[in-house]
Amino acid sequence: MSKGLSYRDAGVDIDEGDALVEAIKPFAKRTMRPEVLAGIGGFGALMEIPKKYRHPVLVSGTDGVGTKLKLAFSLGRHDTVGIDLVAMSVNDVLVQGAEPLFFLDYFACGKLDKSVATDVIKGIAHGCELAGCALIGGETAEMPGMYPEGEYDLAGFCVGVVEKERIINGKSIAPGDVVLGLASSGLHSNGFSLVRKIIERAKPDLGADFHGRSLADTLMEPTRIYVKSALALMQALPVKGLAHITGGGLTGNVPRVLPVGMRAVIDAKSWARTPLFDWLKKEGGVAEDEMHRVFNCGIGMVIVVAVEHAAEASRILSDSGELVCTIGQIEKHAEGPKTIVV
């Protein structure tokens, strides 16, 4: 008589999954907000809407890390991609004027390695701390045969809240308004399919010095989270529009917040592009317009304010730790591209 099969024989280790849940609970606990009623461990997490909101509107966002994960696998670095995961969703929610409330993650792999998964989720928890939102749940899926050995995929889900009358939708943007740019921390989590092609062509030593740190460290620098500084600005003065500069770059993302008949004219010489972008352009032979379509090129968040608020907005953002530049202005324009980089 043949031996009976178990789930472990099929490649799924329930005990390893249970051990992971226990390992991550202390990190999730550090992200808790007073509105959380029930978090990790149940079938669903419970959270109240903060009582300060009179007419709350919920704002949701979801995203992943993309092929930056392939570089993380090759380097054996799993401690920062969780920050990327959180950043991609909370920054998107933020541009509606919303305060991120809670975050859920989905971690999928072929065979669960508790050590690797713990590093990833520690990064997710740290990202939630930076954003001020609670990590209240998630899912770890071990699916034999679905992923190559040593690889995994990530997805993140954020819910935020904004006062109905304070939703930022870009409708008030007018000619003469000022476009502010907040510096990115690097590539963030976009364009890595092209980055990997450039690495394949250039064959650089990723461990070698690259302007004071290794090229690997520079490439893997996690996405900057702009939540706390932007929320502080919104509390202080009217913000007309925000754009998170992700895939599509400045030319693809700024138009998403502009009303009909308006365009943004952005001066690419108004900020210092970091050496990484120049290296990618040179080694890949990438055209300048393609650079601005694929990468953030040094600007991770764009904020549109009235000209009379521009100086004060820059001061508030600088005091919050952001590197701020005035990068352009809004013009009336009926036809043609809604954002041009000159």
Protein backbone atom coordinates (compact mmCIF):
# COMPACT_ATOMS: atom_id res chain seq x y z
CA MET A 1 0.00 0.00 0.00
CA SER A 2 1.47 3.36 -1.02
CA LYS A 3 2.10 6.08 1.52
CA GLY A 4 -0.60 8.73 1.79
CA LEU A 5 0.32 12.17 0.45
CA SER A 6 0.44 15.37 2.49
CA TYR A 7 0.33 19.04 1.51
CA ARG A 8 4.06 19.17 2.25
CA ASP A 9 4.62 16.38 -0.28
CA ALA A 10 2.89 18.64 -2.82
CA GLY A 11 5.31 21.47 -2.01
CA VAL A 12 3.30 23.56 0.46
CA ASP A 13 4.62 23.90 4.02
CA ILE A 14 1.78 25.09 6.27
CA ASP A 15 4.07 25.20 9.32
CA GLU A 16 6.50 27.54 7.52
CA GLY A 17 3.60 29.83 6.65
CA ASP A 18 2.36 29.87 10.23
CA ALA A 19 5.89 30.65 11.44
CA LEU A 20 6.06 33.58 9.02
CA VAL A 21 2.83 35.07 10.39
CA GLU A 22 4.27 34.95 13.90
CA ALA A 23 7.59 36.42 12.73
CA ILE A 24 6.00 39.47 11.11
CA LYS A 25 3.52 40.35 13.85
CA PRO A 26 5.99 42.57 15.79
CA PHE A 27 6.76 44.60 12.65
CA ALA A 28 3.09 45.02 11.79
CA LYS A 29 2.37 46.05 15.37
CA ARG A 30 4.66 49.08 15.01
CA THR A 31 2.44 50.39 12.20
CA MET A 32 -0.82 50.30 14.16
CA ARG A 33 -3.13 53.30 14.33
CA PRO A 34 -5.76 53.86 17.04
CA GLU A 35 -8.54 53.23 14.51
CA VAL A 36 -7.47 49.59 13.94
CA LEU A 37 -9.95 47.19 15.56
CA ALA A 38 -8.53 43.88 14.30
CA GLY A 39 -5.42 43.25 12.27
CA ILE A 40 -3.20 40.37 11.13
CA GLY A 41 -4.41 36.85 11.93
CA GLY A 42 -8.12 37.05 11.26
CA PHE A 43 -10.10 36.44 8.08
CA GLY A 44 -10.45 40.17 7.58
CA ALA A 45 -8.98 43.29 9.18
CA LEU A 46 -11.21 45.95 10.73
CA MET A 47 -10.57 49.69 10.87
CA GLU A 48 -12.69 52.70 11.76
CA ILE A 49 -12.55 55.88 9.72
CA PRO A 50 -10.88 58.59 11.85
CA LYS A 51 -13.50 60.69 13.61
CA LYS A 52 -11.95 63.98 12.44
CA TYR A 53 -13.51 63.47 8.99
CA ARG A 54 -17.01 64.94 8.53
CA HIS A 55 -17.67 63.77 4.96
CA PRO A 56 -15.06 61.05 4.40
CA VAL A 57 -14.38 59.68 0.93
CA LEU A 58 -12.32 56.50 0.64
CA VAL A 59 -9.53 56.40 -1.94
CA SER A 60 -7.95 53.09 -2.99
CA GLY A 61 -4.82 52.17 -4.88
CA THR A 62 -2.94 49.04 -5.89
CA ASP A 63 0.42 48.36 -7.51
CA GLY A 64 3.43 46.08 -7.54
CA VAL A 65 7.20 46.41 -7.70
CA GLY A 66 7.64 45.24 -11.29
CA THR A 67 10.83 43.83 -12.71
CA LYS A 68 12.94 45.59 -10.10
CA LEU A 69 12.31 42.30 -8.31
CA LYS A 70 14.46 40.49 -10.89
CA LEU A 71 17.40 42.66 -9.88
CA ALA A 72 16.62 42.02 -6.20
CA PHE A 73 16.70 38.26 -6.84
CA SER A 74 20.05 38.41 -8.66
CA LEU A 75 21.58 40.54 -5.89
CA GLY A 76 19.99 38.58 -3.05
CA ARG A 77 18.54 41.80 -1.60
CA HIS A 78 15.04 41.59 -0.19
CA ASP A 79 14.97 44.22 2.55
CA THR A 80 13.93 47.29 0.54
CA VAL A 81 11.51 46.06 -2.13
CA GLY A 82 8.75 46.15 0.50
CA ILE A 83 9.28 49.90 0.81
CA ASP A 84 8.89 50.16 -2.97
CA LEU A 85 5.65 48.20 -2.75
CA VAL A 86 4.12 50.53 -0.17
CA ALA A 87 5.40 53.69 -1.87
CA MET A 88 3.85 52.91 -5.23
CA SER A 89 0.36 52.70 -3.73
CA VAL A 90 0.47 55.33 -0.97
CA ASN A 91 1.95 57.97 -3.28
CA ASP A 92 -0.87 57.29 -5.77
CA VAL A 93 -3.53 57.63 -3.07
CA LEU A 94 -1.86 60.79 -1.81
CA VAL A 95 -2.31 62.70 -5.07
CA GLN A 96 -6.08 62.74 -4.54
CA GLY A 97 -5.42 64.58 -1.28
CA ALA A 98 -5.96 61.45 0.80
CA GLU A 99 -4.30 60.32 4.00
CA PRO A 100 -3.34 56.63 3.66
CA LEU A 101 -5.10 54.62 6.38
CA PHE A 102 -4.14 50.99 5.89
CA PHE A 103 -2.19 48.67 3.64
CA LEU A 104 -2.51 45.01 2.61
CA ASP A 105 0.16 42.96 0.86
CA TYR A 106 0.15 39.85 -1.32
CA PHE A 107 3.33 37.74 -1.37
CA ALA A 108 3.35 34.83 -3.82
CA CYS A 109 6.11 32.28 -4.30
CA GLY A 110 6.77 28.73 -5.45
CA LYS A 111 8.41 27.64 -2.19
CA LEU A 112 8.23 29.76 0.93
CA ASP A 113 11.53 30.81 2.48
CA LYS A 114 10.61 32.32 5.84
CA SER A 115 13.85 34.33 6.06
CA VAL A 116 13.38 35.97 2.66
CA ALA A 117 9.67 36.61 3.21
CA THR A 118 10.37 38.13 6.63
CA ASP A 119 12.89 40.55 5.09
CA VAL A 120 10.36 41.57 2.46
CA ILE A 121 7.54 42.12 4.93
CA LYS A 122 9.82 43.99 7.35
CA GLY A 123 10.39 46.40 4.45
CA ILE A 124 6.64 46.64 3.88
CA ALA A 125 6.12 47.47 7.56
CA HIS A 126 8.86 50.12 7.43
CA GLY A 127 7.22 51.66 4.38
CA CYS A 128 3.92 51.78 6.25
CA GLU A 129 5.63 53.56 9.15
CA LEU A 130 7.05 56.14 6.73
CA ALA A 131 3.55 56.65 5.27
CA GLY A 132 1.76 56.69 8.62
CA CYS A 133 -0.59 53.88 7.60
CA ALA A 134 -1.29 50.56 9.29
CA LEU A 135 -0.24 47.17 7.91
CA ILE A 136 -3.37 45.32 8.92
CA GLY A 137 -3.40 42.22 6.74
CA GLY A 138 -2.19 40.38 3.70
CA GLU A 139 -1.79 37.03 2.03
CA THR A 140 1.16 34.69 1.63
CA ALA A 141 0.58 32.23 -1.20
CA GLU A 142 2.91 29.24 -1.65
CA MET A 143 2.22 27.81 -5.11
CA PRO A 144 4.60 25.07 -6.27
CA GLY A 145 5.41 25.22 -9.98
CA MET A 146 4.15 28.78 -10.46
CA TYR A 147 7.46 30.64 -9.97
CA PRO A 148 11.13 29.86 -10.66
CA GLU A 149 13.15 28.76 -7.64
CA GLY A 150 14.10 31.70 -5.42
CA GLU A 151 11.62 34.11 -7.00
CA TYR A 152 8.39 35.68 -5.78
CA ASP A 153 5.93 38.38 -6.74
CA LEU A 154 4.41 41.21 -4.73
CA ALA A 155 1.24 43.24 -4.90
CA GLY A 156 0.09 45.96 -2.54
CA PHE A 157 -3.26 47.54 -1.75
CA CYS A 158 -3.81 50.84 0.07
CA VAL A 159 -6.97 52.58 1.29
CA GLY A 160 -6.89 56.24 2.25
CA VAL A 161 -9.44 58.86 3.22
CA VAL A 162 -10.01 62.48 2.23
CA GLU A 163 -12.60 65.09 3.24
CA LYS A 164 -15.03 65.29 0.32
CA GLU A 165 -14.63 69.04 -0.17
CA ARG A 166 -10.81 68.71 -0.07
CA ILE A 167 -10.41 66.16 -2.87
CA ILE A 168 -7.62 67.28 -5.18
CA ASN A 169 -8.68 66.78 -8.79
CA GLY A 170 -6.80 69.48 -10.73
CA LYS A 171 -9.95 71.32 -11.79
CA SER A 172 -8.76 74.62 -10.30
CA ILE A 173 -5.42 74.60 -12.15
CA ALA A 174 -5.07 77.81 -14.19
CA PRO A 175 -2.54 79.58 -16.41
CA GLY A 176 0.34 81.03 -14.41
CA ASP A 177 0.25 78.37 -11.70
CA VAL A 178 3.66 77.09 -10.60
CA VAL A 179 4.86 73.52 -11.02
CA LEU A 180 7.05 72.31 -8.16
CA GLY A 181 9.11 69.13 -8.36
CA LEU A 182 10.12 66.98 -5.40
CA ALA A 183 13.36 65.07 -5.87
CA SER A 184 13.19 61.32 -6.32
CA SER A 185 15.48 58.99 -4.40
CA GLY A 186 16.55 57.38 -7.67
CA LEU A 187 14.80 55.17 -10.19
CA HIS A 188 12.03 54.34 -7.71
CA SER A 189 10.26 51.27 -9.15
CA ASN A 190 9.84 52.07 -12.82
CA GLY A 191 11.72 51.37 -16.02
CA PHE A 192 13.59 48.32 -14.76
CA SER A 193 12.91 46.25 -17.87
CA LEU A 194 14.98 48.84 -19.76
CA VAL A 195 17.48 49.12 -16.89
CA ARG A 196 18.09 45.37 -17.03
CA LYS A 197 18.63 45.55 -20.79
CA ILE A 198 21.20 48.32 -20.27
CA ILE A 199 22.97 46.28 -17.59
CA GLU A 200 22.99 43.30 -19.97
CA ARG A 201 24.62 45.47 -22.64
CA ALA A 202 27.07 47.43 -20.45
CA LYS A 203 28.01 44.51 -18.15
CA PRO A 204 29.05 46.84 -15.29
CA ASP A 205 30.51 45.70 -11.98
CA LEU A 206 27.47 46.28 -9.77
CA GLY A 207 29.65 46.19 -6.68
CA ALA A 208 32.02 48.89 -7.92
CA ASP A 209 31.98 52.46 -6.62
CA PHE A 210 29.44 54.68 -8.35
CA HIS A 211 29.73 58.27 -7.11
CA GLY A 212 30.33 57.27 -3.50
CA ARG A 213 28.29 54.07 -3.24
CA SER A 214 27.97 50.86 -5.19
CA LEU A 215 26.02 50.80 -8.42
CA ALA A 216 23.86 48.02 -6.91
CA ASP A 217 22.94 50.24 -3.96
CA THR A 218 22.14 53.11 -6.31
CA LEU A 219 19.88 50.97 -8.49
CA MET A 220 18.09 49.37 -5.54
CA GLU A 221 17.47 52.61 -3.60
CA PRO A 222 13.80 52.35 -2.55
CA THR A 223 11.05 54.66 -3.76
CA ARG A 224 10.66 57.85 -1.74
CA ILE A 225 7.41 58.14 0.21
CA TYR A 226 6.05 61.70 0.04
CA VAL A 227 3.01 61.27 2.28
CA LYS A 228 3.92 63.15 5.44
CA SER A 229 5.49 66.17 3.73
CA ALA A 230 2.66 66.53 1.20
CA LEU A 231 -0.04 66.17 3.88
CA ALA A 232 1.69 68.91 5.90
CA LEU A 233 1.59 71.14 2.83
CA MET A 234 -2.11 70.44 2.24
CA GLN A 235 -2.89 71.45 5.80
CA ALA A 236 -1.09 74.77 5.33
CA LEU A 237 -2.24 76.06 1.95
CA PRO A 238 -4.32 75.18 -1.14
CA VAL A 239 -2.79 72.55 -3.39
CA LYS A 240 -4.26 72.49 -6.90
CA GLY A 241 -2.78 69.29 -8.26
CA LEU A 242 -0.32 66.49 -7.59
CA ALA A 243 1.16 63.89 -9.92
CA HIS A 244 3.12 60.83 -8.85
CA ILE A 245 5.87 60.37 -11.45
CA THR A 246 5.86 56.65 -12.15
CA GLY A 247 5.90 54.72 -15.44
CA GLY A 248 5.39 57.25 -18.22
CA GLY A 249 7.62 59.84 -16.57
CA LEU A 250 6.84 63.53 -16.45
CA THR A 251 5.34 63.59 -19.92
CA GLY A 252 2.93 60.77 -19.16
CA ASN A 253 1.87 61.51 -15.60
CA VAL A 254 1.53 65.28 -15.26
CA PRO A 255 -1.21 65.43 -17.95
CA ARG A 256 -3.35 63.13 -15.79
CA VAL A 257 -4.05 66.00 -13.37
CA LEU A 258 -4.43 68.85 -15.87
CA PRO A 259 -7.86 70.18 -16.90
CA VAL A 260 -8.88 70.59 -20.53
CA GLY A 261 -7.15 73.54 -22.20
CA MET A 262 -4.07 73.54 -19.95
CA ARG A 263 -0.55 72.27 -20.36
CA ALA A 264 2.56 72.16 -18.19
CA VAL A 265 5.82 73.51 -19.58
CA ILE A 266 8.70 71.96 -17.67
CA ASP A 267 12.30 73.12 -17.84
CA ALA A 268 14.60 70.09 -17.62
CA LYS A 269 17.52 72.39 -16.68
CA SER A 270 15.77 73.54 -13.50
CA TRP A 271 16.98 70.58 -11.45
CA ALA A 272 20.24 68.66 -11.33
CA ARG A 273 19.78 65.18 -12.80
CA THR A 274 21.65 62.62 -10.73
CA PRO A 275 24.51 60.64 -12.33
CA LEU A 276 22.50 57.42 -12.52
CA PHE A 277 20.16 58.80 -15.18
CA ASP A 278 23.06 60.12 -17.24
CA TRP A 279 24.76 56.71 -16.97
CA LEU A 280 21.62 54.92 -18.18
CA LYS A 281 21.22 57.37 -21.07
CA LYS A 282 24.85 56.94 -22.17
CA GLU A 283 25.20 53.18 -21.71
CA GLY A 284 21.83 52.44 -23.29
CA GLY A 285 22.00 55.06 -26.01
CA VAL A 286 18.56 56.15 -24.82
CA ALA A 287 17.06 59.20 -26.52
CA GLU A 288 16.24 62.17 -24.30
CA ASP A 289 12.51 62.05 -24.98
CA GLU A 290 12.52 58.32 -24.20
CA MET A 291 14.29 59.05 -20.89
CA HIS A 292 11.41 61.33 -19.90
CA ARG A 293 8.81 58.77 -21.00
CA VAL A 294 10.34 55.87 -19.05
CA PHE A 295 12.10 57.29 -15.98
CA ASN A 296 11.32 59.97 -13.41
CA CYS A 297 14.72 61.57 -14.28
CA GLY A 298 15.07 62.89 -10.72
CA ILE A 299 11.54 64.19 -10.01
CA GLY A 300 9.32 61.79 -8.07
CA MET A 301 6.33 64.01 -7.29
CA VAL A 302 4.94 67.13 -8.97
CA ILE A 303 2.84 69.68 -7.10
CA VAL A 304 0.89 72.53 -8.71
CA VAL A 305 0.14 75.64 -6.63
CA ALA A 306 -0.86 79.23 -7.30
CA VAL A 307 2.06 81.56 -7.93
CA GLU A 308 1.37 83.47 -4.68
CA HIS A 309 1.75 80.23 -2.68
CA ALA A 310 4.86 78.89 -4.42
CA ALA A 311 7.51 80.31 -2.08
CA GLU A 312 5.67 79.23 1.08
CA ALA A 313 4.97 75.79 -0.37
CA SER A 314 8.66 75.33 -1.14
CA ARG A 315 9.58 76.35 2.41
CA ILE A 316 7.10 73.94 4.01
CA LEU A 317 8.24 71.05 1.82
CA SER A 318 11.92 71.83 2.46
CA ASP A 319 11.28 71.96 6.20
CA SER A 320 9.69 68.50 5.87
CA GLY A 321 12.89 67.13 4.35
CA GLU A 322 12.12 67.38 0.65
CA LEU A 323 14.46 68.71 -2.01
CA VAL A 324 12.19 71.11 -3.93
CA CYS A 325 12.66 72.87 -7.25
CA THR A 326 10.41 75.13 -9.29
CA ILE A 327 10.41 73.18 -12.54
CA GLY A 328 7.77 74.87 -14.68
CA GLN A 329 4.47 76.62 -15.07
CA ILE A 330 0.98 76.09 -16.40
CA GLU A 331 -0.07 77.62 -19.72
CA LYS A 332 -3.31 77.82 -21.63
CA HIS A 333 -3.10 75.47 -24.58
CA ALA A 334 -5.90 74.01 -26.67
CA GLU A 335 -4.10 71.36 -28.70
CA GLY A 336 -0.94 69.30 -28.68
CA PRO A 337 0.94 67.61 -25.82
CA LYS A 338 -0.38 68.47 -22.35
CA THR A 339 3.12 68.40 -20.90
CA ILE A 340 6.33 69.37 -22.65
CA VAL A 341 9.84 69.13 -21.27
CA VAL A 342 12.19 71.74 -22.73
